Amino acid sequence: MKVSESGAEIGRVALDEITAVIIHAHGTTCSSALLAELADRGAPVVFCAANHVPRSVLMPLVGH
């Protein structure tokens, strides 16, 4: 997974090293390909609201 800010790459993480993703910032962009790859690896994705409270959870179907 590549992490960028204002178009500049600020980090990368191997998908196999990710257990879960918490999306906490407004304006975050993720591709459907990334979400599918995370699902294939069993990693849930949590989307938080502006008040920092979880609003939605994307869970893989396999294994749950």
N, C-alpha and C. Protein backbone atom coordinates (compact mmCIF):
# COMPACT_ATOMS: atom_id res chain seq x y z
N MET A 1 0.85 -1.16 0.00
CA MET A 1 0.00 0.00 0.00
C MET A 1 0.90 1.23 0.00
N LYS A 2 0.60 2.14 -0.88
CA LYS A 2 1.35 3.39 -0.96
C LYS A 2 0.57 4.48 -0.23
N VAL A 3 1.28 5.27 0.57
CA VAL A 3 0.68 6.39 1.28
C VAL A 3 1.27 7.67 0.71
N SER A 4 0.39 8.59 0.28
CA SER A 4 0.84 9.85 -0.31
C SER A 4 0.15 11.01 0.38
N GLU A 5 0.82 12.16 0.34
CA GLU A 5 0.23 13.40 0.83
C GLU A 5 0.58 14.50 -0.15
N SER A 6 -0.43 15.18 -0.66
CA SER A 6 -0.25 16.25 -1.65
C SER A 6 0.54 15.76 -2.85
N GLY A 7 0.29 14.52 -3.26
CA GLY A 7 0.94 13.96 -4.44
C GLY A 7 2.32 13.38 -4.21
N ALA A 8 2.88 13.58 -3.03
CA ALA A 8 4.22 13.06 -2.73
C ALA A 8 4.10 11.79 -1.89
N GLU A 9 4.79 10.75 -2.31
CA GLU A 9 4.77 9.50 -1.56
C GLU A 9 5.50 9.68 -0.24
N ILE A 10 4.82 9.28 0.85
CA ILE A 10 5.45 9.42 2.17
C ILE A 10 5.69 8.05 2.83
N GLY A 11 5.24 6.98 2.18
CA GLY A 11 5.49 5.67 2.73
C GLY A 11 4.86 4.55 1.93
N ARG A 12 5.34 3.33 2.18
CA ARG A 12 4.79 2.11 1.59
C ARG A 12 4.78 1.02 2.65
N VAL A 13 3.75 0.17 2.58
CA VAL A 13 3.65 -0.97 3.49
C VAL A 13 3.25 -2.18 2.66
N ALA A 14 3.92 -3.30 2.87
CA ALA A 14 3.55 -4.54 2.17
C ALA A 14 2.17 -4.98 2.65
N LEU A 15 1.29 -5.36 1.72
CA LEU A 15 -0.07 -5.74 2.08
C LEU A 15 -0.11 -6.93 3.03
N ASP A 16 0.84 -7.84 2.91
CA ASP A 16 0.87 -9.00 3.79
C ASP A 16 1.21 -8.64 5.23
N GLU A 17 1.69 -7.43 5.47
CA GLU A 17 2.01 -6.99 6.82
C GLU A 17 0.87 -6.21 7.48
N ILE A 18 -0.23 -6.03 6.75
CA ILE A 18 -1.36 -5.24 7.26
C ILE A 18 -2.42 -6.17 7.85
N THR A 19 -2.79 -5.91 9.10
CA THR A 19 -3.84 -6.69 9.76
C THR A 19 -5.19 -6.01 9.61
N ALA A 20 -5.21 -4.67 9.64
CA ALA A 20 -6.43 -3.88 9.49
C ALA A 20 -6.02 -2.47 9.08
N VAL A 21 -6.97 -1.74 8.50
CA VAL A 21 -6.73 -0.35 8.11
C VAL A 21 -7.82 0.51 8.74
N ILE A 22 -7.42 1.61 9.37
CA ILE A 22 -8.37 2.59 9.91
C ILE A 22 -8.18 3.88 9.12
N ILE A 23 -9.24 4.28 8.41
CA ILE A 23 -9.19 5.50 7.61
C ILE A 23 -9.83 6.61 8.43
N HIS A 24 -9.01 7.59 8.77
CA HIS A 24 -9.39 8.58 9.75
C HIS A 24 -9.39 10.00 9.18
N ALA A 25 -8.83 10.20 8.01
CA ALA A 25 -8.68 11.56 7.46
C ALA A 25 -9.72 11.83 6.37
N HIS A 26 -10.24 13.05 6.36
CA HIS A 26 -11.14 13.46 5.28
C HIS A 26 -10.33 13.58 4.00
N GLY A 27 -10.92 13.25 2.88
CA GLY A 27 -10.24 13.37 1.60
C GLY A 27 -9.36 12.19 1.27
N THR A 28 -9.42 11.12 2.06
CA THR A 28 -8.64 9.92 1.79
C THR A 28 -9.19 9.24 0.54
N THR A 29 -8.29 8.79 -0.31
CA THR A 29 -8.68 8.08 -1.52
C THR A 29 -8.07 6.69 -1.49
N CYS A 30 -8.90 5.67 -1.74
CA CYS A 30 -8.39 4.31 -1.87
C CYS A 30 -9.02 3.68 -3.09
N SER A 31 -8.25 2.86 -3.76
CA SER A 31 -8.75 2.22 -4.97
C SER A 31 -9.52 0.94 -4.64
N SER A 32 -10.41 0.55 -5.53
CA SER A 32 -11.13 -0.71 -5.35
C SER A 32 -10.16 -1.88 -5.42
N ALA A 33 -9.09 -1.75 -6.18
CA ALA A 33 -8.08 -2.81 -6.26
C ALA A 33 -7.42 -3.00 -4.89
N LEU A 34 -7.10 -1.90 -4.19
CA LEU A 34 -6.51 -2.00 -2.86
C LEU A 34 -7.49 -2.65 -1.90
N LEU A 35 -8.75 -2.22 -1.90
CA LEU A 35 -9.75 -2.78 -0.99
C LEU A 35 -9.95 -4.27 -1.26
N ALA A 36 -9.95 -4.68 -2.52
CA ALA A 36 -10.08 -6.10 -2.86
C ALA A 36 -8.88 -6.90 -2.38
N GLU A 37 -7.68 -6.36 -2.53
CA GLU A 37 -6.47 -7.05 -2.06
C GLU A 37 -6.47 -7.18 -0.55
N LEU A 38 -6.90 -6.14 0.16
CA LEU A 38 -6.99 -6.22 1.62
C LEU A 38 -8.01 -7.28 2.03
N ALA A 39 -9.15 -7.33 1.32
CA ALA A 39 -10.17 -8.34 1.60
C ALA A 39 -9.62 -9.74 1.37
N ASP A 40 -8.86 -9.93 0.29
CA ASP A 40 -8.27 -11.23 0.00
C ASP A 40 -7.35 -11.69 1.13
N ARG A 41 -6.76 -10.73 1.84
CA ARG A 41 -5.84 -11.04 2.94
C ARG A 41 -6.54 -11.05 4.30
N GLY A 42 -7.85 -10.84 4.30
CA GLY A 42 -8.62 -10.89 5.54
C GLY A 42 -8.55 -9.65 6.40
N ALA A 43 -8.10 -8.52 5.83
CA ALA A 43 -7.94 -7.29 6.60
C ALA A 43 -9.20 -6.42 6.52
N PRO A 44 -9.83 -6.12 7.65
CA PRO A 44 -10.97 -5.20 7.63
C PRO A 44 -10.50 -3.76 7.44
N VAL A 45 -11.40 -2.93 6.92
CA VAL A 45 -11.13 -1.50 6.75
C VAL A 45 -12.20 -0.74 7.52
N VAL A 46 -11.77 0.13 8.44
CA VAL A 46 -12.69 0.93 9.25
C VAL A 46 -12.65 2.37 8.75
N PHE A 47 -13.83 2.93 8.45
CA PHE A 47 -13.94 4.32 8.01
C PHE A 47 -14.49 5.14 9.18
N CYS A 48 -13.78 6.20 9.56
CA CYS A 48 -14.20 7.04 10.69
C CYS A 48 -14.86 8.32 10.20
N ALA A 49 -15.77 8.84 11.03
CA ALA A 49 -16.46 10.10 10.75
C ALA A 49 -15.59 11.28 11.16
N ALA A 50 -16.07 12.48 10.89
CA ALA A 50 -15.32 13.69 11.22
C ALA A 50 -15.07 13.82 12.72
N ASN A 51 -15.95 13.21 13.54
CA ASN A 51 -15.77 13.26 14.99
C ASN A 51 -14.91 12.09 15.51
N HIS A 52 -14.24 11.39 14.59
CA HIS A 52 -13.29 10.32 14.89
C HIS A 52 -13.95 9.01 15.34
N VAL A 53 -15.24 8.92 15.26
CA VAL A 53 -15.95 7.70 15.65
C VAL A 53 -16.10 6.81 14.42
N PRO A 54 -15.89 5.50 14.57
CA PRO A 54 -16.08 4.61 13.41
C PRO A 54 -17.49 4.75 12.84
N ARG A 55 -17.56 4.87 11.52
CA ARG A 55 -18.84 5.03 10.84
C ARG A 55 -19.23 3.78 10.05
N SER A 56 -18.21 3.08 9.53
CA SER A 56 -18.47 1.91 8.70
C SER A 56 -17.28 0.97 8.78
N VAL A 57 -17.56 -0.33 8.59
CA VAL A 57 -16.50 -1.33 8.55
C VAL A 57 -16.70 -2.17 7.31
N LEU A 58 -15.64 -2.28 6.52
CA LEU A 58 -15.64 -3.14 5.34
C LEU A 58 -14.96 -4.44 5.75
N MET A 59 -15.72 -5.54 5.76
CA MET A 59 -15.19 -6.83 6.20
C MET A 59 -15.15 -7.81 5.03
N PRO A 60 -14.08 -8.61 4.94
CA PRO A 60 -14.03 -9.65 3.93
C PRO A 60 -15.12 -10.71 4.20
N LEU A 61 -15.71 -11.27 3.16
CA LEU A 61 -16.73 -12.29 3.33
C LEU A 61 -16.13 -13.62 3.75
N VAL A 62 -15.00 -13.97 3.22
CA VAL A 62 -14.36 -15.25 3.52
C VAL A 62 -13.79 -15.19 4.93
N GLY A 63 -14.12 -16.17 5.75
CA GLY A 63 -13.56 -16.24 7.09
C GLY A 63 -14.35 -15.50 8.14
N HIS A 64 -15.47 -14.86 7.75
CA HIS A 64 -16.27 -14.12 8.74
C HIS A 64 -17.71 -14.57 8.65
